[in-house]
Amino acid sequence: MDETRAREVLRAAGLRPGEADGAELLALGENAVFAAGGTVVKVGRSAELLDRAEREVAVGVWLERAGVPAVRPAEPAARLVDGVPVTFWHRLPDAVRPPEPADLAALLRLVHALPAPDFPLPRRELLGGVERWLRLAGEAIDPADAEFLRARRDGFEEAAAALTPRLPAGPIHGDALPRNVHIGPGGPVLVDLETFSSDLREHDLVVLALSRDRYGLAPEAYDAFTEVYGWDVREWEGCEVLRGARETASCAWVAQHAPANPRAGEEFARRVASLRDGAHEVRWYPF
């Protein structure tokens, strides 16, 4: 979905033409995210993401009741508008500073202490989107690279199913990165709740370990994260399996943007080449 199409959905959702055209585009990725006055509107890419959008709203309500600082829904349910899911959220105050890994660790401790909610959370299907992302990439990527990633997906799915966790399983954020924390006047707030799951808590911790190794996160920032959380997931023998699964998913995720963005194609090529070569030290760049 491009920005033009997303703004058409905003108008179909009830925003006046001036509001839809003047809404500030905050992000254009898995969702198109707009700010319109005191509301943030998330427009999904396809109807098949409606269930996830509905669950994200339910998670926001649940976290509010549990006292976990998180973004709050402005409407109690997702809508299907012009064939795609749309959700409405209260806009957060302007950030007072950038988020740090230690801020994320404090929020994860709260989430990981929660019992299961009164509605079902799915398993963390980290690799579940690989086929869809590769399909969206189409002819913009080498078919051999797509098959390579499918084979990696299958191998890591099997390996992950056999892991013995160190931590008790339960609710997790599912995409635990500092960018999913907003630091407002009242402190850190968790955002982007669509990947909330019930699975190995280690999933949330491997994300920062991979950021340290692949994305240039400073070692001292990673150390602050593990100090606040209270454990370093790299001590766990299953860390490399979840890391490999996440690398596979991250590579395929970039591929979906390649048809419309040459930079995505270049980043995809960098990532898949490093996976083929087993070059764990090759730097990846956020996209």
Protein backbone atom coordinates (compact mmCIF):
# COMPACT_ATOMS: atom_id res chain seq x y z
CA MET A 1 0.00 0.00 0.00
CA ASP A 2 1.37 3.43 -0.94
CA GLU A 3 0.62 6.76 0.71
CA THR A 4 -1.96 7.80 -1.89
CA ARG A 5 -3.99 4.64 -1.40
CA ALA A 6 -3.74 4.95 2.40
CA ARG A 7 -5.13 8.50 2.30
CA GLU A 8 -8.05 7.24 0.22
CA VAL A 9 -8.79 4.79 3.04
CA LEU A 10 -8.66 7.63 5.58
CA ARG A 11 -11.36 9.46 3.66
CA ALA A 12 -13.43 6.28 3.43
CA ALA A 13 -13.05 5.86 7.21
CA GLY A 14 -14.80 9.17 7.78
CA LEU A 15 -12.04 11.75 7.83
CA ARG A 16 -12.98 14.85 5.88
CA PRO A 17 -10.97 15.33 2.66
CA GLY A 18 -8.96 18.13 4.23
CA GLU A 19 -8.19 16.04 7.31
CA ALA A 20 -7.17 13.02 5.22
CA ASP A 21 -4.97 15.04 2.89
CA GLY A 22 -3.43 17.01 5.75
CA ALA A 23 -2.84 14.07 8.11
CA GLU A 24 0.83 13.66 9.00
CA LEU A 25 2.36 10.42 7.74
CA LEU A 26 4.30 8.96 10.67
CA ALA A 27 5.30 5.62 9.16
CA LEU A 28 4.79 3.59 6.01
CA GLY A 29 5.64 -0.04 6.55
CA GLU A 30 3.46 -2.96 7.57
CA ASN A 31 0.89 -0.23 8.26
CA ALA A 32 0.46 3.31 7.05
CA VAL A 33 0.34 5.37 10.24
CA PHE A 34 -1.10 8.90 10.26
CA ALA A 35 -1.59 11.57 12.90
CA ALA A 36 -4.79 13.59 12.55
CA GLY A 37 -5.35 15.99 15.41
CA GLY A 38 -5.38 14.08 18.68
CA THR A 39 -5.79 10.72 16.96
CA VAL A 40 -3.39 8.29 15.30
CA VAL A 41 -4.86 6.14 12.55
CA LYS A 42 -3.26 2.87 11.42
CA VAL A 43 -4.18 1.56 7.98
CA GLY A 44 -3.25 -2.08 7.29
CA ARG A 45 -2.07 -3.43 3.97
CA SER A 46 -4.71 -6.09 3.39
CA ALA A 47 -7.94 -7.62 4.74
CA GLU A 48 -6.05 -10.69 5.95
CA LEU A 49 -4.55 -8.49 8.70
CA LEU A 50 -7.96 -7.67 10.23
CA ASP A 51 -7.68 -10.31 12.98
CA ARG A 52 -4.31 -8.91 14.01
CA ALA A 53 -5.68 -5.36 14.09
CA GLU A 54 -8.60 -6.47 16.28
CA ARG A 55 -6.21 -8.23 18.64
CA GLU A 56 -3.97 -5.15 18.84
CA VAL A 57 -6.91 -3.08 20.07
CA ALA A 58 -7.80 -5.77 22.64
CA VAL A 59 -4.18 -5.78 23.85
CA GLY A 60 -4.27 -2.02 24.31
CA VAL A 61 -7.39 -2.29 26.49
CA TRP A 62 -5.88 -5.18 28.48
CA LEU A 63 -2.60 -3.33 29.15
CA GLU A 64 -4.51 -0.28 30.33
CA ARG A 65 -6.43 -2.41 32.84
CA ALA A 66 -3.18 -4.06 33.96
CA GLY A 67 -1.52 -0.69 34.55
CA VAL A 68 1.22 -1.15 31.95
CA PRO A 69 2.14 2.15 30.27
CA ALA A 70 1.13 1.66 26.62
CA VAL A 71 -0.64 3.42 23.79
CA ARG A 72 -4.43 3.43 24.26
CA PRO A 73 -7.11 2.69 21.65
CA ALA A 74 -9.43 5.58 20.75
CA GLU A 75 -12.07 3.15 19.46
CA PRO A 76 -12.94 -0.24 21.03
CA ALA A 77 -12.61 -2.26 17.83
CA ALA A 78 -10.88 -2.35 14.46
CA ARG A 79 -12.83 -1.46 11.32
CA LEU A 80 -12.66 -2.96 7.85
CA VAL A 81 -12.65 0.08 5.56
CA ASP A 82 -12.45 -0.16 1.80
CA GLY A 83 -11.14 -3.70 2.16
CA VAL A 84 -8.36 -3.03 4.70
CA PRO A 85 -8.23 -2.88 8.53
CA VAL A 86 -8.17 0.52 10.23
CA THR A 87 -7.62 1.24 13.93
CA PHE A 88 -7.76 4.49 15.90
CA TRP A 89 -5.48 5.41 18.82
CA HIS A 90 -5.02 8.29 21.22
CA ARG A 91 -2.09 10.39 20.12
CA LEU A 92 0.75 10.49 22.63
CA PRO A 93 2.32 13.77 23.81
CA ASP A 94 5.49 14.82 22.05
CA ALA A 95 8.56 12.84 23.07
CA VAL A 96 10.90 14.48 25.56
CA ARG A 97 13.91 12.37 24.57
CA PRO A 98 14.80 9.36 22.42
CA PRO A 99 14.10 5.93 23.93
CA GLU A 100 16.98 3.85 25.26
CA PRO A 101 17.31 0.06 25.51
CA ALA A 102 17.10 0.36 29.30
CA ASP A 103 13.63 1.99 28.93
CA LEU A 104 12.53 -0.99 26.87
CA ALA A 105 13.88 -3.42 29.45
CA ALA A 106 11.82 -1.83 32.22
CA LEU A 107 8.62 -2.17 30.17
CA LEU A 108 9.42 -5.76 29.21
CA ARG A 109 9.80 -6.66 32.88
CA LEU A 110 6.23 -5.44 33.42
CA VAL A 111 4.86 -7.30 30.41
CA HIS A 112 6.70 -10.51 31.25
CA ALA A 113 5.24 -10.47 34.76
CA LEU A 114 1.65 -10.47 33.44
CA PRO A 115 -0.57 -13.56 33.42
CA ALA A 116 -2.39 -14.42 30.21
CA PRO A 117 -5.28 -12.09 29.29
CA ASP A 118 -8.90 -13.25 29.06
CA PHE A 119 -8.67 -13.46 25.27
CA PRO A 120 -6.36 -15.71 23.25
CA LEU A 121 -2.94 -14.53 22.20
CA PRO A 122 -1.30 -16.39 19.33
CA ARG A 123 2.10 -17.99 19.31
CA ARG A 124 4.84 -15.66 18.10
CA GLU A 125 4.79 -16.67 14.46
CA LEU A 126 8.06 -14.93 13.76
CA LEU A 127 8.39 -16.70 10.43
CA GLY A 128 4.70 -16.68 9.59
CA GLY A 129 4.92 -13.63 7.34
CA VAL A 130 7.85 -14.85 5.24
CA GLU A 131 5.73 -16.34 2.46
CA ARG A 132 3.52 -13.25 2.19
CA TRP A 133 6.50 -10.88 2.12
CA LEU A 134 8.26 -12.92 -0.53
CA ARG A 135 5.07 -13.06 -2.56
CA LEU A 136 4.75 -9.28 -2.38
CA ALA A 137 8.38 -8.93 -3.50
CA GLY A 138 7.56 -10.83 -6.68
CA GLU A 139 10.03 -10.40 -9.53
CA ALA A 140 11.91 -7.62 -7.72
CA ILE A 141 14.08 -10.26 -6.03
CA ASP A 142 16.01 -13.24 -7.35
CA PRO A 143 13.83 -16.41 -7.17
CA ALA A 144 16.85 -18.30 -5.87
CA ASP A 145 17.07 -15.92 -2.91
CA ALA A 146 13.38 -16.44 -2.19
CA GLU A 147 13.84 -20.22 -2.17
CA PHE A 148 16.89 -19.87 0.06
CA LEU A 149 14.83 -17.95 2.61
CA ARG A 150 11.98 -20.46 2.44
CA ALA A 151 14.43 -23.26 3.21
CA ARG A 152 15.88 -21.28 6.15
CA ARG A 153 12.35 -20.63 7.41
CA ASP A 154 11.51 -24.32 7.39
CA GLY A 155 14.74 -25.25 9.17
CA PHE A 156 14.41 -22.66 11.90
CA GLU A 157 10.73 -23.43 12.48
CA GLU A 158 11.68 -27.01 13.26
CA ALA A 159 14.64 -26.01 15.44
CA ALA A 160 12.61 -23.43 17.39
CA ALA A 161 9.90 -25.98 18.15
CA ALA A 162 12.48 -28.13 19.92
CA LEU A 163 13.92 -25.41 22.19
CA THR A 164 13.93 -25.67 25.98
CA PRO A 165 13.33 -22.17 27.37
CA ARG A 166 15.09 -20.68 30.36
CA LEU A 167 12.17 -18.38 31.26
CA PRO A 168 8.50 -19.27 31.80
CA ALA A 169 6.44 -18.72 28.67
CA GLY A 170 3.68 -16.10 28.58
CA PRO A 171 2.74 -12.71 27.09
CA ILE A 172 5.44 -10.99 25.06
CA HIS A 173 5.60 -7.84 22.95
CA GLY A 174 6.97 -9.71 19.95
CA ASP A 175 8.94 -6.83 18.38
CA ALA A 176 10.84 -5.53 21.36
CA LEU A 177 12.91 -2.65 19.99
CA PRO A 178 13.54 0.80 21.49
CA ARG A 179 11.71 2.33 18.52
CA ASN A 180 8.55 0.75 19.96
CA VAL A 181 8.92 2.82 23.12
CA HIS A 182 7.80 6.45 23.36
CA ILE A 183 9.25 8.67 26.08
CA GLY A 184 6.63 11.25 26.96
CA PRO A 185 6.40 13.62 29.94
CA GLY A 186 5.10 10.74 32.08
CA GLY A 187 7.90 8.35 31.16
CA PRO A 188 8.29 5.35 28.82
CA VAL A 189 5.20 4.05 27.01
CA LEU A 190 4.99 0.88 24.93
CA VAL A 191 3.68 1.28 21.36
CA ASP A 192 3.04 -0.93 18.30
CA LEU A 193 1.15 -3.71 20.04
CA GLU A 194 0.23 -5.73 16.94
CA THR A 195 2.82 -8.47 17.51
CA PHE A 196 1.77 -9.24 21.11
CA SER A 197 1.86 -13.01 21.55
CA SER A 198 2.07 -15.76 24.12
CA ASP A 199 5.32 -17.61 23.65
CA LEU A 200 8.92 -17.86 24.86
CA ARG A 201 9.89 -14.68 26.71
CA GLU A 202 13.30 -15.14 25.10
CA HIS A 203 11.82 -13.90 21.80
CA ASP A 204 11.68 -10.38 23.24
CA LEU A 205 15.27 -10.52 24.45
CA VAL A 206 16.90 -11.90 21.30
CA VAL A 207 15.80 -8.77 19.43
CA LEU A 208 18.31 -6.56 21.27
CA ALA A 209 21.04 -9.17 21.05
CA LEU A 210 20.60 -9.13 17.27
CA SER A 211 20.57 -5.32 17.29
CA ARG A 212 23.95 -5.37 19.02
CA ASP A 213 25.43 -7.76 16.48
CA ARG A 214 23.79 -6.60 13.23
CA TYR A 215 22.46 -3.06 13.58
CA GLY A 216 25.20 -1.25 15.44
CA LEU A 217 23.67 -1.04 18.92
CA ALA A 218 26.48 0.07 21.24
CA PRO A 219 27.68 -2.70 23.58
CA GLU A 220 27.23 -0.43 26.60
CA ALA A 221 23.60 0.21 25.62
CA TYR A 222 23.03 -3.53 25.37
CA ASP A 223 24.68 -4.02 28.75
CA ALA A 224 22.30 -1.43 30.25
CA PHE A 225 19.37 -3.35 28.78
CA THR A 226 20.46 -6.66 30.32
CA GLU A 227 21.21 -5.00 33.66
CA VAL A 228 17.70 -3.51 33.93
CA TYR A 229 16.01 -6.68 32.71
CA GLY A 230 18.16 -8.89 34.92
CA TRP A 231 19.43 -11.48 32.41
CA ASP A 232 21.40 -11.74 29.17
CA VAL A 233 19.70 -14.06 26.70
CA ARG A 234 23.05 -14.80 25.04
CA GLU A 235 23.75 -17.10 28.00
CA TRP A 236 20.97 -19.39 26.74
CA GLU A 237 21.81 -22.19 24.34
CA GLY A 238 18.72 -21.47 22.24
CA CYS A 239 19.71 -17.89 21.48
CA GLU A 240 21.30 -18.67 18.11
CA VAL A 241 18.18 -20.48 16.91
CA LEU A 242 15.86 -17.55 17.66
CA ARG A 243 18.45 -15.16 16.27
CA GLY A 244 18.59 -17.10 13.01
CA ALA A 245 14.81 -17.19 12.77
CA ARG A 246 14.59 -13.44 13.31
CA GLU A 247 17.30 -12.75 10.73
CA THR A 248 15.37 -14.82 8.20
CA ALA A 249 12.15 -12.94 8.91
CA SER A 250 13.86 -9.54 8.84
CA CYS A 251 15.41 -10.29 5.47
CA ALA A 252 12.09 -11.35 3.96
CA TRP A 253 10.32 -8.33 5.47
CA VAL A 254 12.59 -5.95 3.57
CA ALA A 255 11.93 -7.87 0.34
CA GLN A 256 8.26 -6.80 0.22
CA HIS A 257 9.34 -3.17 -0.27
CA ALA A 258 11.73 -3.91 -3.14
CA PRO A 259 9.19 -3.50 -6.01
CA ALA A 260 8.65 0.17 -5.15
CA ASN A 261 11.93 1.14 -3.52
CA PRO A 262 15.40 0.41 -4.96
CA ARG A 263 16.97 1.01 -1.55
CA ALA A 264 14.96 -1.90 -0.16
CA GLY A 265 16.24 -4.10 -2.96
CA GLU A 266 19.82 -3.13 -2.12
CA GLU A 267 19.34 -3.80 1.58
CA PHE A 268 17.67 -7.13 0.84
CA ALA A 269 20.63 -8.16 -1.33
CA ARG A 270 23.06 -7.20 1.45
CA ARG A 271 21.15 -9.21 4.02
CA VAL A 272 20.57 -12.35 1.99
CA ALA A 273 24.22 -12.43 0.85
CA SER A 274 25.42 -12.27 4.45
CA LEU A 275 23.08 -15.13 5.39
CA ARG A 276 24.32 -17.24 2.49
CA ASP A 277 27.93 -16.60 3.50
CA GLY A 278 27.34 -17.12 7.22
CA ALA A 279 28.83 -13.66 7.73
CA HIS A 280 27.37 -12.74 11.13
CA GLU A 281 29.48 -9.58 11.33
CA VAL A 282 28.02 -7.90 8.23
CA ARG A 283 26.19 -4.73 9.25
CA TRP A 284 22.49 -4.47 8.40
CA TYR A 285 20.70 -1.16 8.20
CA PRO A 286 17.19 -0.43 9.51
CA PHE A 287 14.62 0.08 6.84
